[in-house]
Protein backbone atom coordinates (compact mmCIF):
# COMPACT_ATOMS: atom_id res chain seq x y z
CA MET A 1 -64.65 19.96 35.17
CA ASN A 2 -63.56 17.47 37.82
CA SER A 3 -60.24 15.86 37.04
CA LEU A 4 -58.63 12.67 38.29
CA SER A 5 -54.94 12.06 37.77
CA ARG A 6 -53.24 8.67 38.05
CA SER A 7 -49.47 8.14 38.08
CA GLN A 8 -47.43 4.95 38.16
CA SER A 9 -43.95 6.10 37.13
CA SER A 10 -40.97 5.33 39.32
CA SER A 11 -39.01 8.16 40.87
CA GLY A 12 -36.87 6.76 43.69
CA PHE A 13 -36.16 8.79 46.80
CA SER A 14 -34.99 12.18 45.53
CA SER A 15 -37.75 14.77 45.31
CA PRO A 16 -36.36 17.66 47.37
CA ARG A 17 -38.41 20.76 46.70
CA SER A 18 -37.76 22.71 49.92
CA ARG A 19 -35.00 22.65 52.47
CA SER A 20 -34.02 24.26 55.76
CA ILE A 21 -30.69 25.99 56.26
CA SER A 22 -28.78 24.41 59.15
CA ASP A 23 -25.89 26.74 59.93
CA ALA A 24 -24.02 26.54 63.21
CA LYS A 25 -23.22 30.23 62.92
CA ILE A 26 -26.89 31.20 62.98
CA ASP A 27 -28.31 31.76 66.44
CA ASP A 28 -31.98 31.01 67.15
CA ASN A 29 -32.31 34.56 68.43
CA ALA A 30 -30.76 36.11 65.35
CA SER A 31 -32.79 38.34 63.09
CA VAL A 32 -35.28 36.60 60.87
CA ASP A 33 -33.75 35.58 57.55
CA SER A 34 -35.44 33.90 54.64
CA GLY A 35 -35.21 33.61 50.91
CA PHE A 36 -35.48 31.46 47.84
CA SER A 37 -32.75 29.04 46.92
CA LEU A 38 -32.33 27.09 43.71
CA GLY A 39 -32.96 23.40 44.16
CA ASN A 40 -30.68 20.48 43.44
CA SER A 41 -33.12 18.88 40.98
CA SER A 42 -32.61 19.70 37.33
CA THR A 43 -36.14 18.61 36.42
CA HIS A 44 -37.91 21.49 38.16
CA SER A 45 -37.34 25.24 37.80
CA THR A 46 -39.47 26.46 40.71
CA PRO A 47 -37.26 27.91 43.47
CA LEU A 48 -37.30 26.34 46.88
CA VAL A 49 -38.31 28.00 50.12
CA SER A 50 -35.37 28.09 52.55
CA PHE A 51 -35.59 28.74 56.27
CA THR A 52 -33.03 29.40 58.96
CA LYS A 53 -33.75 27.64 62.24
CA GLY A 54 -34.52 31.02 63.77
CA HIS A 55 -36.98 31.91 61.02
CA LEU A 56 -38.78 28.57 61.28
CA LYS A 57 -39.06 29.04 65.03
CA HIS A 58 -40.45 32.55 64.48
CA LEU A 59 -43.02 31.32 61.95
CA ASN A 60 -44.26 28.53 64.20
CA LYS A 61 -44.56 30.89 67.15
CA THR A 62 -46.52 33.37 65.03
CA LEU A 63 -48.79 30.77 63.42
CA GLU A 64 -49.43 28.82 66.62
CA ASN A 65 -52.55 30.71 67.66
CA MET A 66 -53.86 31.67 64.22
CA HIS A 67 -57.09 30.21 62.86
CA PRO A 68 -56.46 27.39 60.35
CA THR A 69 -58.02 29.46 57.57
CA ASP A 70 -55.47 32.21 58.15
CA ILE A 71 -52.66 29.64 58.23
CA LEU A 72 -53.88 28.30 54.89
CA ARG A 73 -54.04 31.78 53.36
CA PHE A 74 -50.47 32.40 54.48
CA CYS A 75 -49.21 29.09 53.13
CA LYS A 76 -50.89 29.54 49.76
CA VAL A 77 -48.90 32.76 49.36
CA LEU A 78 -45.59 31.52 50.78
CA PHE A 79 -45.16 28.07 49.25
CA PRO A 80 -44.77 27.20 45.56
CA ASN A 81 -45.98 23.77 44.45
CA LEU A 82 -48.30 23.41 47.44
CA TYR A 83 -50.48 20.29 47.60
CA GLN A 84 -52.74 18.68 50.17
CA THR A 85 -52.16 15.03 50.95
CA THR A 86 -55.27 13.39 52.34
CA ALA A 87 -57.05 10.11 53.01
CA PHE A 88 -60.28 12.12 53.32
CA GLY A 89 -60.46 11.99 57.09
CA LEU A 90 -62.35 14.70 58.97
CA THR A 91 -59.37 17.04 59.36
CA GLY A 92 -58.48 16.78 55.69
CA LEU A 93 -62.10 17.41 54.73
CA ALA A 94 -62.24 20.54 56.90
CA THR A 95 -59.06 21.73 55.20
CA ILE A 96 -60.54 21.10 51.75
CA ASP A 97 -63.61 23.14 52.69
CA MET A 98 -61.51 26.02 54.04
CA LEU A 99 -59.38 26.06 50.90
CA ALA A 100 -62.52 26.17 48.76
CA LYS A 101 -63.78 29.18 50.70
CA ILE A 102 -60.42 30.93 50.31
CA GLN A 103 -60.48 30.18 46.59
CA ALA A 104 -63.98 31.64 46.27
CA GLN A 105 -62.76 34.87 47.90
CA SER A 106 -59.67 35.03 45.67
CA PRO A 107 -60.65 33.35 42.38
CA GLY A 108 -57.37 34.35 40.73
CA SER A 109 -55.22 32.41 43.17
CA ALA A 110 -53.84 28.96 42.36
CA ASN A 111 -55.88 25.92 43.31
CA THR A 112 -54.46 23.46 45.82
CA ASP A 113 -54.65 19.98 44.31
CA LEU A 114 -55.09 16.84 46.41
CA ILE A 115 -52.87 13.76 46.62
CA PHE A 116 -54.66 10.51 47.52
CA LEU A 117 -52.69 7.32 48.15
CA ASP A 118 -54.98 4.52 47.01
CA THR A 119 -53.67 1.41 48.74
CA LEU A 120 -56.43 -0.61 46.99
CA TYR A 121 -57.65 -1.64 50.45
CA HIS A 122 -59.73 1.39 51.38
CA PHE A 123 -63.35 0.94 52.46
CA GLN A 124 -65.94 1.32 49.72
CA GLU A 125 -67.34 4.21 51.77
CA THR A 126 -64.00 6.01 51.37
CA TYR A 127 -64.03 5.65 47.58
CA GLU A 128 -67.61 6.94 47.51
CA LEU A 129 -66.56 9.92 49.63
CA VAL A 130 -63.76 10.79 47.19
CA GLU A 131 -66.33 11.12 44.41
CA ARG A 132 -68.63 13.26 46.56
CA VAL A 133 -65.76 15.59 47.46
CA LYS A 134 -64.76 15.97 43.79
CA GLU A 135 -68.33 16.81 42.87
CA ARG A 136 -68.84 19.26 45.76
CA TYR A 137 -65.54 21.15 45.48
CA ASN A 138 -64.50 20.69 41.84
CA VAL A 139 -61.03 19.81 43.07
CA ARG A 140 -58.35 17.87 41.22
CA VAL A 141 -57.33 14.61 42.90
CA HIS A 142 -54.01 12.98 41.97
CA VAL A 143 -54.33 9.26 42.75
CA PHE A 144 -51.21 7.18 43.34
CA LYS A 145 -51.49 3.40 43.67
CA PRO A 146 -48.86 0.73 44.38
CA ALA A 147 -46.49 0.57 41.42
CA GLU A 148 -47.48 -1.58 38.43
CA VAL A 149 -50.86 -2.67 39.81
CA ASP A 150 -54.41 -1.34 39.58
CA THR A 151 -56.49 -3.89 41.49
CA VAL A 152 -56.36 -5.99 44.64
CA ALA A 153 -56.13 -9.12 42.47
CA GLN A 154 -53.04 -7.78 40.70
CA PHE A 155 -51.51 -6.68 44.01
CA GLU A 156 -52.02 -10.10 45.60
CA GLU A 157 -50.76 -11.89 42.50
CA MET A 158 -47.54 -9.92 42.86
CA TYR A 159 -47.15 -9.96 46.66
CA GLY A 160 -49.41 -12.75 47.89
CA GLU A 161 -52.52 -12.56 50.04
CA LYS A 162 -52.61 -10.66 53.32
CA LEU A 163 -49.22 -9.02 52.89
CA TYR A 164 -50.41 -6.50 55.52
CA ASP A 165 -50.38 -9.34 58.09
CA ILE A 166 -47.36 -11.27 56.85
CA SER A 167 -44.99 -8.31 56.45
CA ALA A 168 -46.41 -5.01 57.68
CA ASP A 169 -43.22 -3.08 56.86
CA LEU A 170 -43.18 -4.32 53.27
CA TYR A 171 -46.90 -3.61 52.89
CA ASP A 172 -46.49 -0.05 54.18
CA TRP A 173 -43.61 0.52 51.79
CA VAL A 174 -45.33 -0.87 48.71
CA ALA A 175 -48.83 0.50 49.34
CA LYS A 176 -48.05 3.86 50.93
CA VAL A 177 -44.45 5.05 51.27
CA GLU A 178 -43.26 4.38 47.71
CA PRO A 179 -46.43 5.82 46.11
CA GLN A 180 -46.02 8.90 48.29
CA GLN A 181 -42.39 9.33 47.22
CA ARG A 182 -43.47 8.92 43.60
CA ALA A 183 -46.21 11.52 44.05
CA TYR A 184 -43.78 14.07 45.46
CA GLY A 185 -41.34 13.47 42.63
CA ASP A 186 -43.82 13.32 39.76
CA LEU A 187 -45.71 16.42 40.89
CA GLY A 188 -42.66 18.42 42.00
CA VAL A 189 -44.13 18.94 45.46
CA ALA A 190 -42.55 21.67 47.58
CA ALA A 191 -44.92 21.59 50.54
CA VAL A 192 -47.90 19.53 51.64
CA LEU A 193 -50.84 20.22 53.92
CA THR A 194 -51.55 17.31 56.25
CA GLY A 195 -54.44 16.40 58.54
CA ARG A 196 -52.33 15.66 61.61
CA ARG A 197 -53.34 17.13 64.98
CA ARG A 198 -51.73 17.02 68.42
CA SER A 199 -54.93 15.75 70.02
CA GLN A 200 -54.54 12.53 68.01
CA GLY A 201 -51.74 11.58 70.41
CA GLY A 202 -48.86 9.20 69.81
CA GLN A 203 -46.08 10.65 67.69
CA ARG A 204 -48.33 13.58 66.82
CA GLY A 205 -48.46 14.99 70.35
CA ASP A 206 -45.90 17.75 69.86
CA ILE A 207 -45.82 18.47 66.12
CA PRO A 208 -45.52 22.15 65.08
CA VAL A 209 -47.56 23.99 62.49
CA ILE A 210 -44.68 23.93 59.97
CA GLU A 211 -42.00 21.26 59.94
CA ILE A 212 -39.20 20.30 57.58
CA ASP A 213 -39.18 16.70 56.39
CA GLU A 214 -35.51 16.39 55.47
CA GLU A 215 -35.79 12.74 54.39
CA ARG A 216 -38.50 13.46 51.84
CA GLY A 217 -37.24 16.91 50.91
CA ILE A 218 -40.49 18.78 51.56
CA VAL A 219 -42.18 21.12 54.03
CA LYS A 220 -45.15 19.74 55.95
CA ILE A 221 -47.86 22.08 57.18
CA ASN A 222 -50.35 20.98 59.82
CA PRO A 223 -52.98 23.78 59.70
CA LEU A 224 -55.43 22.26 62.21
CA VAL A 225 -52.71 21.07 64.57
CA ASN A 226 -54.35 22.75 67.60
CA TRP A 227 -57.88 21.51 67.02
CA SER A 228 -59.54 18.64 68.88
CA PHE A 229 -61.74 16.00 67.29
CA LYS A 230 -64.74 17.90 68.64
CA ASP A 231 -63.53 21.13 67.03
CA VAL A 232 -63.16 19.43 63.65
CA LYS A 233 -66.50 17.63 63.84
CA SER A 234 -68.23 20.90 64.80
CA TYR A 235 -66.75 22.57 61.72
CA ILE A 236 -67.85 19.67 59.50
CA ASP A 237 -71.40 19.85 60.85
CA GLU A 238 -71.66 23.64 60.73
CA HIS A 239 -70.48 23.87 57.13
CA LYS A 240 -72.23 20.68 55.99
CA VAL A 241 -69.00 19.17 54.70
CA PRO A 242 -69.42 15.65 53.25
CA TYR A 243 -67.75 12.99 55.39
CA ASN A 244 -67.21 9.24 55.53
CA ALA A 245 -70.40 7.31 56.33
CA LEU A 246 -68.33 5.08 58.62
CA LEU A 247 -68.09 7.90 61.16
CA ASP A 248 -71.77 7.38 61.94
CA ARG A 249 -71.01 3.73 62.73
CA GLY A 250 -68.45 4.26 65.49
CA TYR A 251 -65.32 4.94 63.44
CA LYS A 252 -63.28 8.10 64.01
CA SER A 253 -60.03 7.59 62.06
CA VAL A 254 -60.47 5.60 58.85
CA GLY A 255 -57.68 3.88 56.93
CA ASP A 256 -57.49 0.49 55.22
CA TRP A 257 -60.35 -1.88 56.01
CA HIS A 258 -57.97 -4.57 57.31
CA SER A 259 -56.42 -2.27 59.94
CA THR A 260 -59.34 -0.06 60.99
CA SER A 261 -62.08 -0.75 63.51
CA PRO A 262 -64.71 1.25 65.41
CA VAL A 263 -63.64 3.20 68.50
CA GLY A 264 -65.14 2.42 71.90
CA GLU A 265 -66.57 4.92 74.35
CA GLY A 266 -63.75 6.97 75.90
CA GLU A 267 -61.07 5.56 73.58
CA ASP A 268 -58.57 7.77 71.75
CA GLU A 269 -59.77 8.73 68.27
CA ARG A 270 -56.99 6.71 66.62
CA ALA A 271 -57.49 3.70 68.89
CA GLY A 272 -59.24 1.94 66.03
CA ARG A 273 -56.14 1.99 63.83
CA TRP A 274 -54.01 -1.18 64.10
CA LYS A 275 -55.96 -2.14 67.23
CA GLY A 276 -54.04 -4.44 69.55
CA GLN A 277 -50.70 -3.48 67.99
CA GLU A 278 -48.02 -1.06 69.15
CA LYS A 279 -48.12 0.55 65.74
CA THR A 280 -49.63 4.06 65.45
CA GLU A 281 -48.41 5.25 62.02
CA CYS A 282 -48.28 3.64 58.58
CA GLY A 283 -44.87 4.97 57.59
CA ILE A 284 -45.65 8.05 55.52
CA HIS A 285 -45.01 10.33 58.49
CA ASN A 286 -42.36 8.18 60.18
CA LYS A 287 -38.63 8.37 59.87
CA LYS A 288 -37.18 6.03 57.28
CA SER A 289 -38.79 2.60 57.53
CA ARG A 290 -36.82 -0.57 58.06
CA TYR A 291 -37.78 -1.71 54.58
CA ALA A 292 -36.57 1.55 53.06
CA GLN A 293 -33.27 1.09 54.89
CA PHE A 294 -33.08 -2.47 53.57
CA LEU A 295 -33.58 -1.26 50.00
CA GLU A 296 -30.92 1.41 50.34
CA ASN A 297 -28.43 -1.04 51.85
CA ALA A 298 -29.12 -3.52 49.05
CA ALA A 299 -28.63 -0.81 46.42
CA ARG A 300 -25.39 0.29 48.10
CA GLU A 301 -24.04 -3.28 48.18
CA GLU A 302 -24.96 -3.78 44.52
CA ALA A 303 -23.20 -0.54 43.56
CA GLN A 304 -20.10 -1.64 45.45
CA LYS A 305 -20.09 -4.97 43.59
CA VAL A 306 -20.36 -3.20 40.24
CA SER A 307 -17.59 -0.78 41.20
CA ALA A 308 -15.31 -3.61 42.28
CA ALA A 309 -15.93 -5.66 39.12
């Protein structure tokens, strides 16, 4: 039976489920070393995956030229608490289809659940696609919305209209970054599969297959990192994977309706995101946002006041 999970609890910043070992005594050319290490969270008992820098380098070199399906098979075995975070773009959809095929070949293996950040401002076509994917793949989707709201009306009552124009940093934090942090904490995420590819350009131009997100305390895996848009679309067509109807209307990368537009002939596939702005990412893959820094500074100042009282 298809299942939809919704979470609104608050969890702050600490959800470390995996970590890398940074040791000045370890040389990049040293023998490969790996192991499990107990985490620093008392709420989860699953051990973390720890890597030396040399081991991580070895893994990325080995995985670099492997087919995404083989990368996914490897990651399903290696990582505990593995999830896929997706906005149901083409790359994420291809990943969902590959995971379903792997699951069919190994029915005893654990399913990989999905995490969907519902900003409340997605296109209707995106919401319809989510339902089609659930029906096609019988996959569990964990939906995380901005805290304490369920509708656009409630969101705008709390933050005002067009927050995305008035304060983009605050909007990204409230609608995307905080819900993502809450998802990682509530679900005990150790590693996530993403839909990022180097051919998308911008900050994604040199990402590896496996990377450590120290700020968020997780491992990020980019299984289709080497594929082009054409490669992904060919896979979608060949395997008849359901996709967003907007792609047939000139869109290539689909996000919120207020910051997404069709892509012109010869334009980069993400040119339709935040068109006319320098911005290329929403914050969930960036280093700590300015708003997150503001919140931490405010919390630090408040703690100092309490301590001095």
